[in-house]
Structure formats: C-alpha cells, structure tokens
Amino acid sequence: MLSSLGSMLPLVLMFVVLYFVMIRPQMKRQKEARSMIEALAKGDEVATAGGVLGKITSLGDQYLGLEIANGVEIKIQRSAVVQVLPKGAVKQQ
C-alpha cells in the first residue's frame, strides 16, 4: 500500500507545480483581458490583434467602431482589442 502511494506522489507533485506555474497565471491573464474588453468606452485609444491603432467611436455588444484616420471608421470585434493605449498615443492625420 505504501509503495503504491509513494509511486503516485511524484505525479501529484508534478500536477501541483504545473497548476501554479502554467494554469493559474493563464487564468489570471484571461480574466484581466476579459475585464479590459468589458471596460472599453467611447473615446478610448486601442491597439488590435492585427496591429491597427485607433480611437473607439461606437460600442456594441459584439462589435465596436474604430476610427483609424480622420473620416475613416472600421468595425471590429471586441475580442480583437488587445491593449488600451494612453490618451494621445494615436496621432490622427
């Protein structure tokens, strides 16, 4: 009985280490990204996954309007936003 418990101990320890090194930080990053996407507001300057920078002009449940240049607006999915930039970071010409 003790030998079978002793042989499973390294497997259990590896799972515990895996949880704290990989799974827990990934869940934390997903939670932060979800809260960032939910907190988007009109006028925020953002960067998308495709590298497009712009200012949010309209918000919907799934999509948002992004002004990438003066008079040029595109519609993107909310999930494509990867970063909210500081005000004034996007200089429109």
PDB file of N, CA and C in Angstrom:
ATOM      1  N   MET A   1       0.830  -1.191   0.000  1.00  0.00           N
ATOM      2  CA  MET A   1       0.000   0.000   0.000  1.00  0.00           C
ATOM      3  C   MET A   1       0.873   1.253   0.000  1.00  0.00           C
ATOM      4  N   LEU A   2       1.895   1.267   0.844  1.00  0.00           N
ATOM      5  CA  LEU A   2       2.757   2.442   0.917  1.00  0.00           C
ATOM      6  C   LEU A   2       3.576   2.633  -0.356  1.00  0.00           C
ATOM      7  N   SER A   3       3.973   1.545  -0.989  1.00  0.00           N
ATOM      8  CA  SER A   3       4.770   1.686  -2.211  1.00  0.00           C
ATOM      9  C   SER A   3       3.922   2.273  -3.348  1.00  0.00           C
ATOM     10  N   SER A   4       2.639   1.916  -3.438  1.00  0.00           N
ATOM     11  CA  SER A   4       1.784   2.485  -4.485  1.00  0.00           C
ATOM     12  C   SER A   4       1.521   3.968  -4.222  1.00  0.00           C
ATOM     13  N   LEU A   5       1.381   4.333  -2.952  1.00  0.00           N
ATOM     14  CA  LEU A   5       1.202   5.740  -2.590  1.00  0.00           C
ATOM     15  C   LEU A   5       2.485   6.524  -2.863  1.00  0.00           C
ATOM     16  N   GLY A   6       3.609   5.928  -2.587  1.00  0.00           N
ATOM     17  CA  GLY A   6       4.903   6.563  -2.840  1.00  0.00           C
ATOM     18  C   GLY A   6       5.185   6.746  -4.320  1.00  0.00           C
ATOM     19  N   SER A   7       4.706   5.829  -5.137  1.00  0.00           N
ATOM     20  CA  SER A   7       4.934   5.955  -6.582  1.00  0.00           C
ATOM     21  C   SER A   7       4.013   6.996  -7.212  1.00  0.00           C
ATOM     22  N   MET A   8       2.884   7.309  -6.582  1.00  0.00           N
ATOM     23  CA  MET A   8       1.972   8.330  -7.111  1.00  0.00           C
ATOM     24  C   MET A   8       2.336   9.727  -6.638  1.00  0.00           C
ATOM     25  N   LEU A   9       3.122   9.827  -5.594  1.00  0.00           N
ATOM     26  CA  LEU A   9       3.484  11.123  -5.040  1.00  0.00           C
ATOM     27  C   LEU A   9       4.191  12.038  -6.053  1.00  0.00           C
ATOM     28  N   PRO A  10       5.161  11.565  -6.825  1.00  0.00           N
ATOM     29  CA  PRO A  10       5.781  12.454  -7.820  1.00  0.00           C
ATOM     30  C   PRO A  10       4.788  12.954  -8.879  1.00  0.00           C
ATOM     31  N   LEU A  11       3.855  12.130  -9.257  1.00  0.00           N
ATOM     32  CA  LEU A  11       2.847  12.535 -10.238  1.00  0.00           C
ATOM     33  C   LEU A  11       1.958  13.641  -9.675  1.00  0.00           C
ATOM     34  N   VAL A  12       1.547  13.500  -8.439  1.00  0.00           N
ATOM     35  CA  VAL A  12       0.724  14.514  -7.787  1.00  0.00           C
ATOM     36  C   VAL A  12       1.514  15.814  -7.634  1.00  0.00           C
ATOM     37  N   LEU A  13       2.764  15.723  -7.242  1.00  0.00           N
ATOM     38  CA  LEU A  13       3.605  16.910  -7.094  1.00  0.00           C
ATOM     39  C   LEU A  13       3.811  17.620  -8.432  1.00  0.00           C
ATOM     40  N   MET A  14       3.986  16.855  -9.502  1.00  0.00           N
ATOM     41  CA  MET A  14       4.139  17.475 -10.832  1.00  0.00           C
ATOM     42  C   MET A  14       2.871  18.207 -11.233  1.00  0.00           C
ATOM     43  N   PHE A  15       1.704  17.670 -10.933  1.00  0.00           N
ATOM     44  CA  PHE A  15       0.450  18.349 -11.259  1.00  0.00           C
ATOM     45  C   PHE A  15       0.299  19.634 -10.466  1.00  0.00           C
ATOM     46  N   VAL A  16       0.672  19.608  -9.193  1.00  0.00           N
ATOM     47  CA  VAL A  16       0.576  20.812  -8.356  1.00  0.00           C
ATOM     48  C   VAL A  16       1.508  21.900  -8.896  1.00  0.00           C
ATOM     49  N   VAL A  17       2.715  21.541  -9.247  1.00  0.00           N
ATOM     50  CA  VAL A  17       3.663  22.515  -9.810  1.00  0.00           C
ATOM     51  C   VAL A  17       3.136  23.037 -11.142  1.00  0.00           C
ATOM     52  N   LEU A  18       2.628  22.178 -11.978  1.00  0.00           N
ATOM     53  CA  LEU A  18       2.067  22.588 -13.265  1.00  0.00           C
ATOM     54  C   LEU A  18       0.928  23.577 -13.073  1.00  0.00           C
ATOM     55  N   TYR A  19       0.099  23.346 -12.088  1.00  0.00           N
ATOM     56  CA  TYR A  19      -1.018  24.243 -11.822  1.00  0.00           C
ATOM     57  C   TYR A  19      -0.512  25.641 -11.462  1.00  0.00           C
ATOM     58  N   PHE A  20       0.435  25.724 -10.555  1.00  0.00           N
ATOM     59  CA  PHE A  20       0.908  27.036 -10.096  1.00  0.00           C
ATOM     60  C   PHE A  20       1.816  27.729 -11.108  1.00  0.00           C
ATOM     61  N   VAL A  21       2.483  26.988 -11.978  1.00  0.00           N
ATOM     62  CA  VAL A  21       3.397  27.599 -12.944  1.00  0.00           C
ATOM     63  C   VAL A  21       2.696  27.960 -14.247  1.00  0.00           C
ATOM     64  N   MET A  22       1.738  27.167 -14.699  1.00  0.00           N
ATOM     65  CA  MET A  22       1.140  27.394 -16.010  1.00  0.00           C
ATOM     66  C   MET A  22      -0.352  27.715 -15.971  1.00  0.00           C
ATOM     67  N   ILE A  23      -1.138  26.928 -15.317  1.00  0.00           N
ATOM     68  CA  ILE A  23      -2.595  27.056 -15.402  1.00  0.00           C
ATOM     69  C   ILE A  23      -3.093  28.300 -14.685  1.00  0.00           C
ATOM     70  N   ARG A  24      -2.652  28.533 -13.471  1.00  0.00           N
ATOM     71  CA  ARG A  24      -3.130  29.679 -12.684  1.00  0.00           C
ATOM     72  C   ARG A  24      -2.774  31.025 -13.333  1.00  0.00           C
ATOM     73  N   PRO A  25      -1.535  31.255 -13.784  1.00  0.00           N
ATOM     74  CA  PRO A  25      -1.231  32.528 -14.454  1.00  0.00           C
ATOM     75  C   PRO A  25      -2.026  32.734 -15.738  1.00  0.00           C
ATOM     76  N   GLN A  26      -2.279  31.670 -16.495  1.00  0.00           N
ATOM     77  CA  GLN A  26      -3.059  31.790 -17.730  1.00  0.00           C
ATOM     78  C   GLN A  26      -4.496  32.200 -17.414  1.00  0.00           C
ATOM     79  N   MET A  27      -5.075  31.638 -16.377  1.00  0.00           N
ATOM     80  CA  MET A  27      -6.442  32.008 -15.993  1.00  0.00           C
ATOM     81  C   MET A  27      -6.484  33.469 -15.541  1.00  0.00           C
ATOM     82  N   LYS A  28      -5.440  33.928 -14.870  1.00  0.00           N
ATOM     83  CA  LYS A  28      -5.380  35.317 -14.423  1.00  0.00           C
ATOM     84  C   LYS A  28      -5.304  36.264 -15.623  1.00  0.00           C
ATOM     85  N   ARG A  29      -4.480  35.935 -16.641  1.00  0.00           N
ATOM     86  CA  ARG A  29      -4.383  36.762 -17.847  1.00  0.00           C
ATOM     87  C   ARG A  29      -5.710  36.808 -18.593  1.00  0.00           C
ATOM     88  N   GLN A  30      -6.414  35.692 -18.687  1.00  0.00           N
ATOM     89  CA  GLN A  30      -7.714  35.660 -19.352  1.00  0.00           C
ATOM     90  C   GLN A  30      -8.721  36.537 -18.620  1.00  0.00           C
ATOM     91  N   LYS A  31      -8.706  36.510 -17.299  1.00  0.00           N
ATOM     92  CA  LYS A  31      -9.619  37.321 -16.511  1.00  0.00           C
ATOM     93  C   LYS A  31      -9.319  38.805 -16.717  1.00  0.00           C
ATOM     94  N   GLU A  32      -8.051  39.188 -16.736  1.00  0.00           N
ATOM     95  CA  GLU A  32      -7.672  40.582 -16.962  1.00  0.00           C
ATOM     96  C   GLU A  32      -8.084  41.049 -18.357  1.00  0.00           C
ATOM     97  N   ALA A  33      -7.894  40.211 -19.370  1.00  0.00           N
ATOM     98  CA  ALA A  33      -8.272  40.573 -20.735  1.00  0.00           C
ATOM     99  C   ALA A  33      -9.784  40.735 -20.847  1.00  0.00           C
ATOM    100  N   ARG A  34     -10.542  39.857 -20.212  1.00  0.00           N
ATOM    101  CA  ARG A  34     -11.998  39.939 -20.244  1.00  0.00           C
ATOM    102  C   ARG A  34     -12.488  41.231 -19.583  1.00  0.00           C
ATOM    103  N   SER A  35     -11.885  41.595 -18.450  1.00  0.00           N
ATOM    104  CA  SER A  35     -12.311  42.819 -17.767  1.00  0.00           C
ATOM    105  C   SER A  35     -11.905  44.057 -18.560  1.00  0.00           C
ATOM    106  N   MET A  36     -10.769  44.022 -19.262  1.00  0.00           N
ATOM    107  CA  MET A  36     -10.340  45.139 -20.095  1.00  0.00           C
ATOM    108  C   MET A  36     -11.314  45.337 -21.257  1.00  0.00           C
ATOM    109  N   ILE A  37     -11.743  44.263 -21.879  1.00  0.00           N
ATOM    110  CA  ILE A  37     -12.677  44.349 -23.008  1.00  0.00           C
ATOM    111  C   ILE A  37     -14.035  44.856 -22.541  1.00  0.00           C
ATOM    112  N   GLU A  38     -14.482  44.427 -21.367  1.00  0.00           N
ATOM    113  CA  GLU A  38     -15.771  44.886 -20.844  1.00  0.00           C
ATOM    114  C   GLU A  38     -15.727  46.360 -20.444  1.00  0.00           C
ATOM    115  N   ALA A  39     -14.550  46.879 -20.099  1.00  0.00           N
ATOM    116  CA  ALA A  39     -14.421  48.260 -19.633  1.00  0.00           C
ATOM    117  C   ALA A  39     -14.166  49.261 -20.758  1.00  0.00           C
ATOM    118  N   LEU A  40     -14.151  48.807 -22.016  1.00  0.00           N
ATOM    119  CA  LEU A  40     -13.910  49.729 -23.128  1.00  0.00           C
ATOM    120  C   LEU A  40     -14.989  50.803 -23.170  1.00  0.00           C
ATOM    121  N   ALA A  41     -14.572  52.028 -23.480  1.00  0.00           N
ATOM    122  CA  ALA A  41     -15.506  53.150 -23.537  1.00  0.00           C
ATOM    123  C   ALA A  41     -15.240  53.970 -24.792  1.00  0.00           C
ATOM    124  N   LYS A  42     -16.232  54.731 -25.184  1.00  0.00           N
ATOM    125  CA  LYS A  42     -16.113  55.605 -26.344  1.00  0.00           C
ATOM    126  C   LYS A  42     -15.003  56.616 -26.079  1.00  0.00           C
ATOM    127  N   GLY A  43     -14.123  56.794 -27.063  1.00  0.00           N
ATOM    128  CA  GLY A  43     -13.005  57.721 -26.925  1.00  0.00           C
ATOM    129  C   GLY A  43     -11.698  57.067 -26.516  1.00  0.00           C
ATOM    130  N   ASP A  44     -11.738  55.804 -26.085  1.00  0.00           N
ATOM    131  CA  ASP A  44     -10.509  55.093 -25.730  1.00  0.00           C
ATOM    132  C   ASP A  44      -9.681  54.846 -26.980  1.00  0.00           C
ATOM    133  N   GLU A  45      -8.378  54.928 -26.840  1.00  0.00           N
ATOM    134  CA  GLU A  45      -7.469  54.596 -27.940  1.00  0.00           C
ATOM    135  C   GLU A  45      -6.955  53.194 -27.693  1.00  0.00           C
ATOM    136  N   VAL A  46      -7.058  52.352 -28.738  1.00  0.00           N
ATOM    137  CA  VAL A  46      -6.748  50.931 -28.572  1.00  0.00           C
ATOM    138  C   VAL A  46      -5.852  50.422 -29.692  1.00  0.00           C
ATOM    139  N   ALA A  47      -5.244  49.269 -29.422  1.00  0.00           N
ATOM    140  CA  ALA A  47      -4.493  48.518 -30.420  1.00  0.00           C
ATOM    141  C   ALA A  47      -5.194  47.179 -30.606  1.00  0.00           C
ATOM    142  N   THR A  48      -5.289  46.719 -31.858  1.00  0.00           N
ATOM    143  CA  THR A  48      -5.951  45.445 -32.137  1.00  0.00           C
ATOM    144  C   THR A  48      -4.917  44.343 -32.328  1.00  0.00           C
ATOM    145  N   ALA A  49      -5.398  43.118 -32.411  1.00  0.00           N
ATOM    146  CA  ALA A  49      -4.522  41.971 -32.615  1.00  0.00           C
ATOM    147  C   ALA A  49      -3.804  42.054 -33.958  1.00  0.00           C
ATOM    148  N   GLY A  50      -4.391  42.725 -34.921  1.00  0.00           N
ATOM    149  CA  GLY A  50      -3.774  42.875 -36.234  1.00  0.00           C
ATOM    150  C   GLY A  50      -2.816  44.052 -36.329  1.00  0.00           C
ATOM    151  N   GLY A  51      -2.663  44.807 -35.231  1.00  0.00           N
ATOM    152  CA  GLY A  51      -1.739  45.927 -35.217  1.00  0.00           C
ATOM    153  C   GLY A  51      -2.353  47.255 -35.612  1.00  0.00           C
ATOM    154  N   VAL A  52      -3.661  47.310 -35.756  1.00  0.00           N
ATOM    155  CA  VAL A  52      -4.336  48.548 -36.125  1.00  0.00           C
ATOM    156  C   VAL A  52      -4.551  49.388 -34.862  1.00  0.00           C
ATOM    157  N   LEU A  53      -4.196  50.680 -34.955  1.00  0.00           N
ATOM    158  CA  LEU A  53      -4.387  51.603 -33.845  1.00  0.00           C
ATOM    159  C   LEU A  53      -5.515  52.555 -34.194  1.00  0.00           C
ATOM    160  N   GLY A  54      -6.333  52.904 -33.222  1.00  0.00           N
ATOM    161  CA  GLY A  54      -7.417  53.833 -33.482  1.00  0.00           C
ATOM    162  C   GLY A  54      -8.153  54.223 -32.233  1.00  0.00           C
ATOM    163  N   LYS A  55      -9.163  55.072 -32.424  1.00  0.00           N
ATOM    164  CA  LYS A  55      -9.982  55.582 -31.324  1.00  0.00           C
ATOM    165  C   LYS A  55     -11.386  55.010 -31.462  1.00  0.00           C
ATOM    166  N   ILE A  56     -11.954  54.536 -30.370  1.00  0.00           N
ATOM    167  CA  ILE A  56     -13.292  53.951 -30.378  1.00  0.00           C
ATOM    168  C   ILE A  56     -14.316  55.059 -30.566  1.00  0.00           C
ATOM    169  N   THR A  57     -15.203  54.873 -31.575  1.00  0.00           N
ATOM    170  CA  THR A  57     -16.243  55.860 -31.848  1.00  0.00           C
ATOM    171  C   THR A  57     -17.634  55.343 -31.515  1.00  0.00           C
ATOM    172  N   SER A  58     -17.822  54.031 -31.546  1.00  0.00           N
ATOM    173  CA  SER A  58     -19.125  53.464 -31.202  1.00  0.00           C
ATOM    174  C   SER A  58     -18.922  52.084 -30.584  1.00  0.00           C
ATOM    175  N   LEU A  59     -19.854  51.719 -29.706  1.00  0.00           N
ATOM    176  CA  LEU A  59     -19.764  50.449 -28.996  1.00  0.00           C
ATOM    177  C   LEU A  59     -21.026  49.636 -29.202  1.00  0.00           C
ATOM    178  N   GLY A  60     -20.860  48.333 -29.369  1.00  0.00           N
ATOM    179  CA  GLY A  60     -21.970  47.394 -29.425  1.00  0.00           C
ATOM    180  C   GLY A  60     -21.642  46.213 -28.535  1.00  0.00           C
ATOM    181  N   ASP A  61     -22.524  45.220 -28.518  1.00  0.00           N
ATOM    182  CA  ASP A  61     -22.270  44.044 -27.694  1.00  0.00           C
ATOM    183  C   ASP A  61     -21.092  43.223 -28.215  1.00  0.00           C
ATOM    184  N   GLN A  62     -21.044  42.998 -29.520  1.00  0.00           N
ATOM    185  CA  GLN A  62     -20.003  42.180 -30.128  1.00  0.00           C
ATOM    186  C   GLN A  62     -18.976  42.993 -30.912  1.00  0.00           C
ATOM    187  N   TYR A  63     -19.381  44.134 -31.456  1.00  0.00           N
ATOM    188  CA  TYR A  63     -18.533  44.910 -32.352  1.00  0.00           C
ATOM    189  C   TYR A  63     -18.366  46.324 -31.833  1.00  0.00           C
ATOM    190  N   LEU A  64     -17.314  46.992 -32.314  1.00  0.00           N
ATOM    191  CA  LEU A  64     -17.128  48.400 -31.999  1.00  0.00           C
ATOM    192  C   LEU A  64     -16.591  49.118 -33.222  1.00  0.00           C
ATOM    193  N   GLY A  65     -16.892  50.420 -33.295  1.00  0.00           N
ATOM    194  CA  GLY A  65     -16.401  51.242 -34.387  1.00  0.00           C
ATOM    195  C   GLY A  65     -15.073  51.843 -33.987  1.00  0.00           C
ATOM    196  N   LEU A  66     -14.105  51.779 -34.893  1.00  0.00           N
ATOM    197  CA  LEU A  66     -12.759  52.255 -34.616  1.00  0.00           C
ATOM    198  C   LEU A  66     -12.357  53.243 -35.704  1.00  0.00           C
ATOM    199  N   GLU A  67     -12.073  54.485 -35.304  1.00  0.00           N
ATOM    200  CA  GLU A  67     -11.623  55.496 -36.257  1.00  0.00           C
ATOM    201  C   GLU A  67     -10.110  55.377 -36.364  1.00  0.00           C
ATOM    202  N   ILE A  68      -9.627  54.992 -37.567  1.00  0.00           N
ATOM    203  CA  ILE A  68      -8.196  54.775 -37.767  1.00  0.00           C
ATOM    204  C   ILE A  68      -7.527  55.974 -38.434  1.00  0.00           C
ATOM    205  N   ALA A  69      -8.312  56.848 -39.043  1.00  0.00           N
ATOM    206  CA  ALA A  69      -7.834  58.101 -39.629  1.00  0.00           C
ATOM    207  C   ALA A  69      -9.018  59.054 -39.647  1.00  0.00           C
ATOM    208  N   ASN A  70      -8.774  60.317 -39.933  1.00  0.00           N
ATOM    209  CA  ASN A  70      -9.874  61.275 -39.978  1.00  0.00           C
ATOM    210  C   ASN A  70     -10.889  60.849 -41.032  1.00  0.00           C
ATOM    211  N   GLY A  71     -12.107  60.577 -40.604  1.00  0.00           N
ATOM    212  CA  GLY A  71     -13.177  60.188 -41.520  1.00  0.00           C
ATOM    213  C   GLY A  71     -13.159  58.736 -41.949  1.00  0.00           C
ATOM    214  N   VAL A  72     -12.222  57.934 -41.443  1.00  0.00           N
ATOM    215  CA  VAL A  72     -12.145  56.517 -41.815  1.00  0.00           C
ATOM    216  C   VAL A  72     -12.461  55.682 -40.576  1.00  0.00           C
ATOM    217  N   GLU A  73     -13.601  54.996 -40.625  1.00  0.00           N
ATOM    218  CA  GLU A  73     -14.036  54.176 -39.492  1.00  0.00           C
ATOM    219  C   GLU A  73     -14.214  52.738 -39.949  1.00  0.00           C
ATOM    220  N   ILE A  74     -13.720  51.816 -39.142  1.00  0.00           N
ATOM    221  CA  ILE A  74     -13.896  50.397 -39.419  1.00  0.00           C
ATOM    222  C   ILE A  74     -14.645  49.770 -38.257  1.00  0.00           C
ATOM    223  N   LYS A  75     -15.236  48.627 -38.517  1.00  0.00           N
ATOM    224  CA  LYS A  75     -15.955  47.887 -37.487  1.00  0.00           C
ATOM    225  C   LYS A  75     -15.133  46.640 -37.190  1.00  0.00           C
ATOM    226  N   ILE A  76     -14.845  46.418 -35.893  1.00  0.00           N
ATOM    227  CA  ILE A  76     -14.061  45.253 -35.490  1.00  0.00           C
ATOM    228  C   ILE A  76     -14.766  44.540 -34.343  1.00  0.00           C
ATOM    229  N   GLN A  77     -14.365  43.308 -34.099  1.00  0.00           N
ATOM    230  CA  GLN A  77     -14.895  42.564 -32.962  1.00  0.00           C
ATOM    231  C   GLN A  77     -14.228  43.052 -31.686  1.00  0.00           C
ATOM    232  N   ARG A  78     -14.972  43.062 -30.603  1.00  0.00           N
ATOM    233  CA  ARG A  78     -14.421  43.478 -29.316  1.00  0.00           C
ATOM    234  C   ARG A  78     -13.227  42.617 -28.923  1.00  0.00           C
ATOM    235  N   SER A  79     -13.285  41.346 -29.230  1.00  0.00           N
ATOM    236  CA  SER A  79     -12.217  40.435 -28.830  1.00  0.00           C
ATOM    237  C   SER A  79     -10.914  40.697 -29.570  1.00  0.00           C
ATOM    238  N   ALA A  80     -10.932  41.507 -30.636  1.00  0.00           N
ATOM    239  CA  ALA A  80      -9.711  41.823 -31.375  1.00  0.00           C
ATOM    240  C   ALA A  80      -8.874  42.869 -30.662  1.00  0.00           C
ATOM    241  N   VAL A  81      -9.444  43.558 -29.686  1.00  0.00           N
ATOM    242  CA  VAL A  81      -8.700  44.573 -28.938  1.00  0.00           C
ATOM    243  C   VAL A  81      -7.768  43.861 -27.960  1.00  0.00           C
ATOM    244  N   VAL A  82      -6.480  44.204 -28.040  1.00  0.00           N
ATOM    245  CA  VAL A  82      -5.510  43.566 -27.156  1.00  0.00           C
ATOM    246  C   VAL A  82      -4.914  44.525 -26.142  1.00  0.00           C
ATOM    247  N   GLN A  83      -5.045  45.852 -26.384  1.00  0.00           N
ATOM    248  CA  GLN A  83      -4.441  46.798 -25.469  1.00  0.00           C
ATOM    249  C   GLN A  83      -5.147  48.140 -25.542  1.00  0.00           C
ATOM    250  N   VAL A  84      -5.364  48.749 -24.397  1.00  0.00           N
ATOM    251  CA  VAL A  84      -5.861  50.117 -24.331  1.00  0.00           C
ATOM    252  C   VAL A  84      -4.640  51.009 -24.173  1.00  0.00           C
ATOM    253  N   LEU A  85      -4.502  51.971 -25.087  1.00  0.00           N
ATOM    254  CA  LEU A  85      -3.342  52.851 -25.096  1.00  0.00           C
ATOM    255  C   LEU A  85      -3.605  54.102 -24.267  1.00  0.00           C
ATOM    256  N   PRO A  86      -2.541  54.760 -23.806  1.00  0.00           N
ATOM    257  CA  PRO A  86      -2.740  56.023 -23.094  1.00  0.00           C
ATOM    258  C   PRO A  86      -3.298  57.104 -24.024  1.00  0.00           C
ATOM    259  N   LYS A  87      -4.026  58.044 -23.461  1.00  0.00           N
ATOM    260  CA  LYS A  87      -4.629  59.125 -24.266  1.00  0.00           C
ATOM    261  C   LYS A  87      -3.528  59.874 -25.007  1.00  0.00           C
ATOM    262  N   GLY A  88      -3.785  60.175 -26.287  1.00  0.00           N
ATOM    263  CA  GLY A  88      -2.829  60.907 -27.099  1.00  0.00           C
ATOM    264  C   GLY A  88      -1.791  60.038 -27.785  1.00  0.00           C
ATOM    265  N   ALA A  89      -1.865  58.735 -27.606  1.00  0.00           N
ATOM    266  CA  ALA A  89      -0.884  57.835 -28.228  1.00  0.00           C
ATOM    267  C   ALA A  89      -1.118  57.698 -29.727  1.00  0.00           C
ATOM    268  N   VAL A  90      -2.367  57.831 -30.162  1.00  0.00           N
ATOM    269  CA  VAL A  90      -2.702  57.709 -31.568  1.00  0.00           C
ATOM    270  C   VAL A  90      -2.812  59.110 -32.141  1.00  0.00           C
ATOM    271  N   LYS A  91      -1.923  59.415 -33.065  1.00  0.00           N
ATOM    272  CA  LYS A  91      -1.949  60.726 -33.710  1.00  0.00           C
ATOM    273  C   LYS A  91      -2.611  60.564 -35.068  1.00  0.00           C
ATOM    274  N   GLN A  92      -3.778  61.170 -35.247  1.00  0.00           N
ATOM    275  CA  GLN A  92      -4.518  61.034 -36.492  1.00  0.00           C
ATOM    276  C   GLN A  92      -4.147  62.176 -37.428  1.00  0.00           C
ATOM    277  N   GLN A  93      -3.982  61.852 -38.697  1.00  0.00           N
ATOM    278  CA  GLN A  93      -3.584  62.854 -39.699  1.00  0.00           C
ATOM    279  C   GLN A  93      -4.658  63.078 -40.704  1.00  0.00           C
TER     280      GLN A  93
END
